[in-house]
Amino acid sequence: MSDLPRKAVTRTARLAALPLGIAGRATLGLGKRIGGRSAEVVTAELQQATADQLFKVLGELKGGAMKFGQVLSVFEAALPEEVAGPYRAALTKLQDAAPPMPAAKVHTALAQRLGDGWRELFREFDDRPAAAASIGQVHRAVWHDGRRVAVKVQYPGAGDALLADLTQLSRVAWLLGPLIPGLDIKPLIAELRERVSEELDYELEAQAQRRHAEEFAGDPDIVVPGVVAQADQVLVTEWMDGTPLAEVITGGTQEERDRAGQLLARFLFAGPSRTGLLHADPHPGNFRLLKDDGPASGWRLGVLDFGTVDRLPGGLPAPIGASLRMALDGDAAGVLKMLREEGFVKPSIELDPDAVLDYLRPIIEPAAVDSFHFTRAWMRAQAARIADPRSPAYNLGKQLNLPPAYLLIHRVTLSTIGVLCQLGAQAPFRAEMLAWLPQFAGREPAATAKPANPVGTARSAGTAKPAGRKPAGGEPANRTRKS
């Protein structure tokens, strides 16, 4: 499939066919078992076929379907090992690849956004996409001043497709829920829907990326490519090489895994404190391990794709660090009191403080020790404990509430932990929290965020606005911001 299916009826039909296809294969599998095939062999075949259909459809549709698949992929480590195998390869495919948009459509999009003379902006432009994602694809190019750049072009019709897909996926959430034990799919899809307008706005993305690139310029650990130009649904940034984190997950050395895990944890906590923004799309396709000939301690983490961010002017909320510190100190009453104050426990719900502490202790284990080994087995154990109806943790978890202000923070944290478990990284998680998480050490972090530009509230100064077709409101559509 080389184009983005735009008609709602076409996209809806493909997504709606998923439960029918899975049910049909289940019936076929029953027939095979009656015919003498072993249950284990038939089950493995069904799992593989289900994964192939599910993620083939998600990848071909791109839009919200593929975005959902990418978000889901980081939770793969929570699957039981006997089930994870057939899904792992299919999930990974969604992290950094998708069927490409034809070159002719790319050229048309560039002419509409950058002007008919768009080729003059580049010394070279590779028509073959270097990467394709949920709402756009990336091309290698050389900017007119000789810089190697990445040109991100949004798929035509991506906005309508994104909303249509997420609406339809919410209707089949009951089918997708069992893929990841303990993960409530409907709120996840609802949160993705709320972020649609931001995801589609490349000007907001450019502002968020500039903020990170400025803050981390010259940083010994984190690298963010600078923004070169932006015009409507086209974003040009500096090119970044490196080893994709997906490759480290599948075949990296333990040294590579540990360093990548350490830097990923550092970015999770340091990013909000230093920039006032939380990078909210932490799947492996958005990170690169930048190695050199020196020791692993000098390797750096490259960070891409700032299309979705959470705005946290004071860094991560102080109650997170304070409640974690109280939990590690065994202050059950204090933890429950803070959970109530922040809205995690509604006023009408009565809970035993010690039961709440017992519920939290296994989850916060990485914050209790100097170095923690993140493994798939550990994540599976947490997911199974929370998802098992016979478990006290299951019943207590059902009584907890997730306040809207914490929804994105919660997903990003869980997603990052999922990637750490996929890496199998031994990481000093606690040290990063002590350095960057407000009130975890009983004080504010030593380095706090500089006053951030109000990303999303005003245009950057110096935005060039060449003549071009005008959308509603009269402003030129192909406004190009160059750096």
Protein backbone atom coordinates (compact mmCIF):
# COMPACT_ATOMS: atom_id res chain seq x y z
CA MET A 1 0.00 0.00 0.00
CA SER A 2 1.73 3.16 -1.16
CA ASP A 3 -0.81 5.85 -0.32
CA LEU A 4 -2.73 6.92 2.76
CA PRO A 5 -6.33 5.62 2.49
CA ARG A 6 -8.41 8.74 3.14
CA LYS A 7 -12.04 7.67 2.74
CA ALA A 8 -13.54 7.04 6.16
CA VAL A 9 -15.57 4.08 4.90
CA THR A 10 -12.43 2.37 3.55
CA ARG A 11 -10.42 2.87 6.74
CA THR A 12 -13.34 1.92 8.99
CA ALA A 13 -13.97 -1.25 7.01
CA ARG A 14 -10.37 -2.37 7.42
CA LEU A 15 -10.35 -1.75 11.17
CA ALA A 16 -13.80 -3.27 11.62
CA ALA A 17 -12.61 -6.41 9.82
CA LEU A 18 -10.02 -7.08 12.53
CA PRO A 19 -12.36 -8.76 15.05
CA LEU A 20 -14.03 -10.74 12.24
CA GLY A 21 -10.69 -11.98 11.00
CA ILE A 22 -9.54 -12.96 14.47
CA ALA A 23 -12.82 -14.74 15.21
CA GLY A 24 -12.56 -16.60 11.91
CA ARG A 25 -9.05 -17.77 12.67
CA ALA A 26 -10.15 -18.93 16.12
CA THR A 27 -12.86 -21.07 14.49
CA LEU A 28 -10.34 -22.45 12.01
CA GLY A 29 -7.98 -23.21 14.89
CA LEU A 30 -10.69 -25.15 16.69
CA GLY A 31 -11.21 -27.20 13.55
CA LYS A 32 -7.50 -27.95 13.32
CA ARG A 33 -7.41 -29.11 16.95
CA ILE A 34 -10.43 -31.38 16.35
CA GLY A 35 -8.54 -32.68 13.34
CA GLY A 36 -5.62 -33.76 15.49
CA ARG A 37 -3.22 -30.78 15.49
CA SER A 38 -1.68 -30.02 18.88
CA ALA A 39 -3.15 -27.08 20.81
CA GLU A 40 0.30 -25.51 21.25
CA VAL A 41 1.07 -25.53 17.53
CA VAL A 42 -2.36 -24.20 16.57
CA THR A 43 -2.25 -21.47 19.24
CA ALA A 44 1.17 -20.30 18.04
CA GLU A 45 -0.11 -20.17 14.46
CA LEU A 46 -3.15 -18.14 15.53
CA GLN A 47 -1.02 -15.70 17.52
CA GLN A 48 1.31 -15.15 14.59
CA ALA A 49 -1.54 -14.72 12.10
CA THR A 50 -3.36 -12.32 14.44
CA ALA A 51 -0.24 -10.22 14.91
CA ASP A 52 0.44 -10.17 11.17
CA GLN A 53 -3.10 -8.99 10.33
CA LEU A 54 -3.39 -6.48 13.17
CA PHE A 55 -0.12 -4.68 12.56
CA LYS A 56 -0.23 -4.96 8.78
CA VAL A 57 -3.55 -3.10 8.84
CA LEU A 58 -2.30 -0.56 11.39
CA GLY A 59 0.87 0.07 9.39
CA GLU A 60 -0.85 0.41 6.03
CA LEU A 61 -3.49 2.81 7.33
CA LYS A 62 -0.87 4.96 9.07
CA GLY A 63 -2.72 7.79 10.85
CA GLY A 64 -4.22 7.00 14.23
CA ALA A 65 -4.04 3.27 13.58
CA MET A 66 -0.28 3.29 13.26
CA LYS A 67 0.16 5.83 16.08
CA PHE A 68 -1.79 3.51 18.36
CA GLY A 69 0.36 0.57 17.24
CA GLN A 70 3.55 2.48 18.02
CA VAL A 71 2.30 3.42 21.48
CA LEU A 72 1.22 -0.18 22.09
CA SER A 73 4.58 -1.54 20.94
CA VAL A 74 6.51 -0.23 23.94
CA PHE A 75 4.31 -2.34 26.26
CA GLU A 76 5.28 -5.55 24.47
CA ALA A 77 7.61 -6.42 27.37
CA ALA A 78 4.53 -6.94 29.58
CA LEU A 79 3.29 -9.88 27.52
CA PRO A 80 3.81 -13.39 28.92
CA GLU A 81 6.88 -14.89 27.24
CA GLU A 82 4.93 -17.72 25.64
CA VAL A 83 2.72 -15.11 23.95
CA ALA A 84 5.25 -12.34 23.33
CA GLY A 85 7.28 -14.04 20.62
CA PRO A 86 4.74 -13.97 17.78
CA TYR A 87 3.83 -10.35 18.49
CA ARG A 88 7.33 -8.95 19.02
CA ALA A 89 8.47 -8.79 15.40
CA ALA A 90 5.16 -7.35 14.18
CA LEU A 91 5.13 -4.69 16.91
CA THR A 92 8.73 -3.68 16.21
CA LYS A 93 7.94 -3.10 12.53
CA LEU A 94 5.67 -0.22 13.53
CA GLN A 95 8.38 1.63 15.44
CA ASP A 96 10.37 2.97 12.52
CA ALA A 97 8.76 1.92 9.23
CA ALA A 98 5.57 2.04 7.19
CA PRO A 99 4.56 1.83 3.51
CA PRO A 100 5.87 5.00 1.80
CA MET A 101 4.04 7.85 0.12
CA PRO A 102 4.84 8.00 -3.63
CA ALA A 103 7.51 10.49 -4.72
CA ALA A 104 5.04 12.43 -6.89
CA LYS A 105 2.81 13.12 -3.90
CA VAL A 106 5.85 14.17 -1.84
CA HIS A 107 6.87 16.64 -4.56
CA THR A 108 3.34 18.04 -4.70
CA ALA A 109 3.25 18.49 -0.92
CA LEU A 110 6.64 20.24 -0.94
CA ALA A 111 5.58 22.58 -3.74
CA GLN A 112 2.38 23.47 -1.88
CA ARG A 113 4.21 24.18 1.39
CA LEU A 114 7.61 25.50 0.30
CA GLY A 115 6.67 26.99 -3.06
CA ASP A 116 7.18 25.89 -6.65
CA GLY A 117 10.91 26.58 -6.37
CA TRP A 118 11.33 24.21 -3.41
CA ARG A 119 14.19 22.36 -5.11
CA GLU A 120 16.32 25.52 -4.88
CA LEU A 121 16.32 25.12 -1.09
CA PHE A 122 18.19 21.84 -1.41
CA ARG A 123 21.44 20.78 -3.00
CA GLU A 124 20.19 17.19 -2.92
CA PHE A 125 16.88 15.53 -2.10
CA ASP A 126 16.38 11.75 -1.84
CA ASP A 127 12.94 10.69 -3.06
CA ARG A 128 13.18 7.43 -1.14
CA PRO A 129 11.90 7.90 2.42
CA ALA A 130 14.47 7.20 5.12
CA ALA A 131 11.70 6.55 7.65
CA ALA A 132 7.91 6.56 7.71
CA ALA A 133 5.71 7.06 10.74
CA SER A 134 2.10 7.56 11.76
CA ILE A 135 1.32 10.93 10.08
CA GLY A 136 4.35 11.65 7.93
CA GLN A 137 7.55 10.37 6.39
CA VAL A 138 11.15 11.57 6.48
CA HIS A 139 13.51 12.12 3.54
CA ARG A 140 17.27 12.64 3.54
CA ALA A 141 18.43 15.84 1.88
CA VAL A 142 21.23 18.40 1.79
CA TRP A 143 20.18 21.97 2.56
CA HIS A 144 21.37 24.78 0.32
CA ASP A 145 24.13 25.69 2.82
CA GLY A 146 25.54 22.16 2.81
CA ARG A 147 23.97 20.87 6.02
CA ARG A 148 22.61 17.32 5.95
CA VAL A 149 18.94 17.52 6.87
CA ALA A 150 15.86 15.41 7.52
CA VAL A 151 12.71 16.59 5.70
CA LYS A 152 9.50 15.51 7.40
CA VAL A 153 6.43 15.64 5.16
CA GLN A 154 2.92 15.12 6.52
CA TYR A 155 0.63 12.72 4.67
CA PRO A 156 -2.25 14.45 2.86
CA GLY A 157 -5.46 13.78 4.77
CA ALA A 158 -3.59 12.74 7.90
CA GLY A 159 -5.85 14.75 10.23
CA ASP A 160 -9.12 13.17 9.15
CA ALA A 161 -7.53 9.73 9.07
CA LEU A 162 -6.10 10.16 12.55
CA LEU A 163 -9.47 11.01 14.10
CA ALA A 164 -11.36 8.35 12.15
CA ASP A 165 -8.91 5.61 13.13
CA LEU A 166 -8.91 6.46 16.82
CA THR A 167 -12.71 6.60 16.88
CA GLN A 168 -12.96 3.18 15.29
CA LEU A 169 -10.20 1.73 17.49
CA SER A 170 -12.09 2.84 20.60
CA ARG A 171 -14.99 0.67 19.41
CA VAL A 172 -12.82 -2.46 19.20
CA ALA A 173 -10.81 -1.74 22.35
CA TRP A 174 -12.32 -4.86 23.96
CA LEU A 175 -10.51 -6.92 21.34
CA LEU A 176 -7.16 -5.17 21.73
CA GLY A 177 -7.15 -5.03 25.53
CA PRO A 178 -6.03 -8.65 26.10
CA LEU A 179 -2.86 -7.98 24.11
CA ILE A 180 -1.30 -6.18 27.08
CA PRO A 181 -2.34 -7.41 30.55
CA GLY A 182 -3.18 -4.63 32.98
CA LEU A 183 -3.36 -1.89 30.34
CA ASP A 184 -6.69 -0.09 29.95
CA ILE A 185 -6.90 0.60 26.22
CA LYS A 186 -9.86 3.02 26.08
CA PRO A 187 -8.28 5.86 28.13
CA LEU A 188 -5.09 5.45 26.08
CA ILE A 189 -7.01 5.94 22.83
CA ALA A 190 -8.96 8.87 24.33
CA GLU A 191 -5.72 10.59 25.30
CA LEU A 192 -4.30 10.11 21.81
CA ARG A 193 -7.47 11.68 20.36
CA GLU A 194 -7.05 14.74 22.56
CA ARG A 195 -3.54 15.25 21.18
CA VAL A 196 -4.53 15.09 17.51
CA SER A 197 -4.38 18.83 16.76
CA GLU A 198 -0.99 19.16 18.44
CA GLU A 199 0.39 16.11 16.62
CA LEU A 200 -0.59 17.63 13.26
CA ASP A 201 0.85 21.11 13.97
CA TYR A 202 4.44 21.12 12.74
CA GLU A 203 4.92 24.71 13.92
CA LEU A 204 4.28 23.62 17.51
CA GLU A 205 6.63 20.70 16.97
CA ALA A 206 9.33 23.03 15.64
CA GLN A 207 8.99 25.27 18.70
CA ALA A 208 9.27 22.32 21.10
CA GLN A 209 12.28 20.92 19.24
CA ARG A 210 14.02 24.32 19.20
CA ARG A 211 13.52 24.61 22.96
CA HIS A 212 15.14 21.22 23.53
CA ALA A 213 17.93 21.83 21.00
CA GLU A 214 18.83 25.14 22.67
CA GLU A 215 18.79 23.68 26.18
CA PHE A 216 20.81 20.58 25.31
CA ALA A 217 23.27 22.30 22.97
CA GLY A 218 26.73 21.04 23.90
CA ASP A 219 25.33 18.60 26.45
CA PRO A 220 27.67 15.63 27.05
CA ASP A 221 24.80 13.11 27.17
CA ILE A 222 21.76 14.26 25.16
CA VAL A 223 21.65 15.46 21.52
CA VAL A 224 18.64 17.11 19.87
CA PRO A 225 18.90 18.09 16.17
CA GLY A 226 18.34 21.76 15.44
CA VAL A 227 15.39 23.03 13.41
CA VAL A 228 16.44 24.32 9.97
CA ALA A 229 13.07 25.38 8.51
CA GLN A 230 9.34 24.83 8.93
CA ALA A 231 6.37 25.58 6.71
CA ASP A 232 2.91 24.21 7.42
CA GLN A 233 3.08 20.41 7.16
CA VAL A 234 6.82 20.31 6.30
CA LEU A 235 9.57 20.33 8.92
CA VAL A 236 13.28 20.42 8.10
CA THR A 237 15.75 19.54 10.85
CA GLU A 238 19.42 18.65 11.06
CA TRP A 239 20.13 15.03 10.15
CA MET A 240 21.28 12.72 12.94
CA ASP A 241 23.02 9.40 12.45
CA GLY A 242 23.40 6.78 15.16
CA THR A 243 22.15 3.34 16.08
CA PRO A 244 18.35 3.20 16.37
CA LEU A 245 17.26 2.04 19.80
CA ALA A 246 15.22 -0.70 18.14
CA GLU A 247 18.50 -2.21 16.90
CA VAL A 248 20.02 -2.00 20.37
CA ILE A 249 16.96 -3.83 21.69
CA THR A 250 17.21 -6.63 19.15
CA GLY A 251 20.98 -7.12 19.00
CA GLY A 252 22.91 -4.68 21.18
CA THR A 253 25.66 -5.59 23.63
CA GLN A 254 24.95 -5.30 27.33
CA GLU A 255 27.21 -2.25 27.43
CA GLU A 256 25.09 -0.58 24.74
CA ARG A 257 21.87 -1.55 26.50
CA ASP A 258 23.01 -0.20 29.87
CA ARG A 259 24.23 3.12 28.47
CA ALA A 260 21.08 3.61 26.38
CA GLY A 261 18.94 2.82 29.42
CA GLN A 262 20.84 5.23 31.64
CA LEU A 263 20.48 8.07 29.13
CA LEU A 264 16.82 7.31 28.47
CA ALA A 265 16.10 7.55 32.20
CA ARG A 266 18.11 10.76 32.39
CA PHE A 267 16.14 12.35 29.55
CA LEU A 268 12.82 11.32 31.10
CA PHE A 269 13.57 13.24 34.30
CA ALA A 270 16.01 15.94 33.15
CA GLY A 271 13.99 17.02 30.11
CA PRO A 272 11.01 18.52 31.97
CA SER A 273 13.22 20.08 34.63
CA ARG A 274 15.47 21.77 32.06
CA THR A 275 12.97 22.69 29.33
CA GLY A 276 9.56 22.79 31.02
CA LEU A 277 8.41 20.23 28.44
CA LEU A 278 7.95 16.46 28.57
CA HIS A 279 8.74 14.55 25.37
CA ALA A 280 5.62 12.41 25.12
CA ASP A 281 6.39 9.87 22.38
CA PRO A 282 9.08 7.61 23.86
CA HIS A 283 9.00 4.66 21.46
CA PRO A 284 12.36 3.24 20.28
CA GLY A 285 12.07 4.72 16.78
CA ASN A 286 12.56 8.19 18.27
CA PHE A 287 15.96 7.56 19.84
CA ARG A 288 19.50 6.94 18.57
CA LEU A 289 22.56 5.74 20.47
CA LEU A 290 25.48 7.91 19.34
CA LYS A 291 28.67 5.94 19.86
CA ASP A 292 32.32 6.83 19.29
CA ASP A 293 35.64 5.08 19.85
CA GLY A 294 35.76 6.14 23.49
CA PRO A 295 34.31 4.41 26.56
CA ALA A 296 30.57 3.83 26.87
CA SER A 297 30.33 6.57 29.50
CA GLY A 298 30.93 9.09 26.69
CA TRP A 299 28.25 7.76 24.34
CA ARG A 300 25.23 10.02 23.87
CA LEU A 301 21.49 9.67 23.23
CA GLY A 302 19.92 11.35 20.22
CA VAL A 303 16.26 12.34 20.56
CA LEU A 304 13.83 12.84 17.68
CA ASP A 305 10.17 13.75 17.09
CA PHE A 306 8.74 16.42 19.37
CA GLY A 307 5.24 16.32 17.86
CA THR A 308 3.67 15.53 21.22
CA VAL A 309 4.85 17.21 24.42
CA ASP A 310 3.34 17.93 27.82
CA ARG A 311 3.85 21.45 29.10
CA LEU A 312 5.26 21.36 32.64
CA PRO A 313 6.71 24.83 33.44
CA GLY A 314 7.97 23.69 36.85
CA GLY A 315 9.18 20.28 35.70
CA LEU A 316 7.47 17.08 36.78
CA PRO A 317 4.88 17.74 39.54
CA ALA A 318 6.43 17.86 43.03
CA PRO A 319 3.81 15.46 44.51
CA ILE A 320 5.27 12.63 42.40
CA GLY A 321 8.66 12.94 44.03
CA ALA A 322 7.26 13.63 47.49
CA SER A 323 4.90 10.62 47.46
CA LEU A 324 7.64 8.33 46.15
CA ARG A 325 9.95 9.46 48.94
CA MET A 326 7.23 8.85 51.55
CA ALA A 327 6.48 5.41 50.10
CA LEU A 328 10.14 4.40 50.29
CA ASP A 329 10.23 5.69 53.88
CA GLY A 330 7.20 3.54 54.75
CA ASP A 331 4.91 6.51 55.45
CA ALA A 332 1.66 4.80 54.37
CA ALA A 333 -0.64 7.47 55.84
CA GLY A 334 1.30 10.26 54.17
CA VAL A 335 1.19 8.52 50.79
CA LEU A 336 -2.57 7.99 50.96
CA LYS A 337 -3.11 11.59 52.07
CA MET A 338 -1.14 12.91 49.08
CA LEU A 339 -2.90 10.56 46.66
CA ARG A 340 -6.21 11.96 47.88
CA GLU A 341 -5.03 15.54 47.56
CA GLU A 342 -3.90 14.95 43.96
CA GLY A 343 -7.11 13.17 42.96
CA PHE A 344 -5.78 9.60 42.65
CA VAL A 345 -8.23 8.54 45.37
CA LYS A 346 -11.72 10.01 45.20
CA PRO A 347 -13.31 11.34 48.44
CA SER A 348 -15.93 8.58 48.47
CA ILE A 349 -13.34 5.76 48.37
CA GLU A 350 -12.06 4.26 51.63
CA LEU A 351 -8.68 2.51 51.40
CA ASP A 352 -6.32 0.96 53.93
CA PRO A 353 -3.04 2.95 53.89
CA ASP A 354 -0.91 -0.19 54.35
CA ALA A 355 -2.71 -1.91 51.46
CA VAL A 356 -1.94 1.08 49.24
CA LEU A 357 1.72 0.90 50.24
CA ASP A 358 1.81 -2.85 49.51
CA TYR A 359 0.31 -2.12 46.09
CA LEU A 360 3.00 0.48 45.29
CA ARG A 361 6.14 -1.17 46.67
CA PRO A 362 6.83 -3.60 43.79
CA ILE A 363 6.17 -0.88 41.19
CA ILE A 364 8.57 1.63 42.77
CA GLU A 365 11.37 -0.88 43.30
CA PRO A 366 13.60 0.85 40.69
CA ALA A 367 13.56 3.98 42.87
CA ALA A 368 14.64 2.07 45.97
CA VAL A 369 18.05 0.80 44.85
CA ASP A 370 21.16 2.43 43.42
CA SER A 371 21.04 0.34 40.25
CA PHE A 372 18.08 -1.62 38.92
CA HIS A 373 18.03 -4.31 36.23
CA PHE A 374 14.96 -3.74 34.05
CA THR A 375 13.79 -7.01 32.54
CA ARG A 376 10.80 -8.33 30.64
CA ALA A 377 10.22 -10.80 33.50
CA TRP A 378 9.93 -7.95 36.02
CA MET A 379 7.47 -6.03 33.86
CA ARG A 380 5.42 -9.17 33.16
CA ALA A 381 5.22 -9.82 36.90
CA GLN A 382 3.92 -6.30 37.55
CA ALA A 383 1.37 -6.52 34.73
CA ALA A 384 0.16 -9.95 35.86
CA ARG A 385 -0.15 -8.84 39.49
CA ILE A 386 -2.32 -5.87 38.58
CA ALA A 387 -4.38 -7.74 35.95
CA ASP A 388 -5.15 -10.90 37.95
CA PRO A 389 -8.70 -10.63 39.41
CA ARG A 390 -7.62 -12.93 42.26
CA SER A 391 -4.89 -10.49 43.33
CA PRO A 392 -5.41 -7.84 46.06
CA ALA A 393 -3.54 -5.47 43.74
CA TYR A 394 -6.23 -5.93 41.09
CA ASN A 395 -9.05 -4.95 43.44
CA LEU A 396 -7.15 -1.99 44.87
CA GLY A 397 -6.10 -0.76 41.44
CA LYS A 398 -9.73 -0.68 40.33
CA GLN A 399 -10.45 1.85 43.09
CA LEU A 400 -7.71 4.26 42.07
CA ASN A 401 -8.30 7.19 39.74
CA LEU A 402 -5.93 8.76 37.20
CA PRO A 403 -6.39 12.57 37.20
CA PRO A 404 -6.31 14.19 33.74
CA ALA A 405 -3.26 16.28 34.65
CA TYR A 406 -1.26 13.10 35.22
CA LEU A 407 -2.54 11.06 32.26
CA LEU A 408 0.24 11.89 29.82
CA ILE A 409 2.95 11.77 32.50
CA HIS A 410 1.69 8.32 33.50
CA ARG A 411 1.77 7.01 29.92
CA VAL A 412 5.22 8.42 29.19
CA THR A 413 6.66 6.97 32.40
CA LEU A 414 5.16 3.54 31.75
CA SER A 415 6.29 3.65 28.12
CA THR A 416 9.84 4.56 29.10
CA ILE A 417 9.92 1.73 31.64
CA GLY A 418 8.63 -0.57 28.89
CA VAL A 419 11.55 0.42 26.64
CA LEU A 420 14.01 -0.03 29.52
CA CYS A 421 12.67 -3.55 30.00
CA GLN A 422 12.94 -4.26 26.27
CA LEU A 423 16.56 -3.14 26.49
CA GLY A 424 17.20 -5.27 29.57
CA ALA A 425 19.16 -2.30 30.90
CA GLN A 426 20.90 -2.07 34.25
CA ALA A 427 20.28 1.60 35.01
CA PRO A 428 20.87 3.97 37.96
CA PHE A 429 17.23 5.04 37.94
CA ARG A 430 17.33 6.31 41.51
CA ALA A 431 20.29 8.64 40.86
CA GLU A 432 18.45 10.31 37.99
CA MET A 433 15.40 10.81 40.17
CA LEU A 434 17.47 12.29 42.98
CA ALA A 435 19.06 14.72 40.54
CA TRP A 436 15.98 15.80 38.59
CA LEU A 437 12.66 14.81 40.21
CA PRO A 438 11.30 17.66 42.38
CA GLN A 439 10.93 16.73 46.08
CA PHE A 440 12.19 13.17 45.67
CA ALA A 441 15.29 14.14 47.62
CA GLY A 442 13.22 16.41 49.88
CA ARG A 443 14.20 19.49 47.87
CA GLU A 444 14.00 20.98 44.40
CA PRO A 445 16.51 19.70 41.81
CA ALA A 446 19.81 21.60 41.69
CA ALA A 447 19.17 22.40 38.02
CA THR A 448 15.71 23.74 37.29
CA ALA A 449 14.10 24.72 34.03
CA LYS A 450 15.03 28.01 32.47
CA PRO A 451 12.01 30.17 31.68
CA ALA A 452 10.59 28.42 28.63
CA ASN A 453 9.12 30.22 25.66
CA PRO A 454 5.34 29.78 25.78
CA VAL A 455 5.36 26.97 23.23
CA GLY A 456 2.10 26.93 21.37
CA THR A 457 1.00 30.42 22.37
CA ALA A 458 2.94 32.68 20.00
CA ARG A 459 4.89 32.56 16.79
CA SER A 460 8.66 32.71 16.88
CA ALA A 461 10.15 36.04 15.96
CA GLY A 462 11.65 36.28 12.51
CA THR A 463 9.22 33.94 10.77
CA ALA A 464 9.45 34.60 7.05
CA LYS A 465 6.08 34.67 5.32
CA PRO A 466 6.51 34.38 1.56
CA ALA A 467 3.55 34.95 -0.68
CA GLY A 468 1.36 31.96 -1.29
CA ARG A 469 -2.13 30.59 -1.15
CA LYS A 470 -4.05 31.79 1.92
CA PRO A 471 -6.05 29.60 4.28
CA ALA A 472 -8.96 30.83 6.40
CA GLY A 473 -7.82 33.89 8.29
CA GLY A 474 -5.82 35.33 5.43
CA GLU A 475 -2.34 34.26 6.52
CA PRO A 476 -0.03 32.75 3.87
CA ALA A 477 -0.10 28.97 4.13
CA ASN A 478 3.49 28.34 3.06
CA ARG A 479 5.15 30.41 5.76
CA THR A 480 8.71 29.11 6.04
CA ARG A 481 10.64 29.57 9.25
CA LYS A 482 14.41 29.22 8.64
CA SER A 483 17.21 28.90 11.15
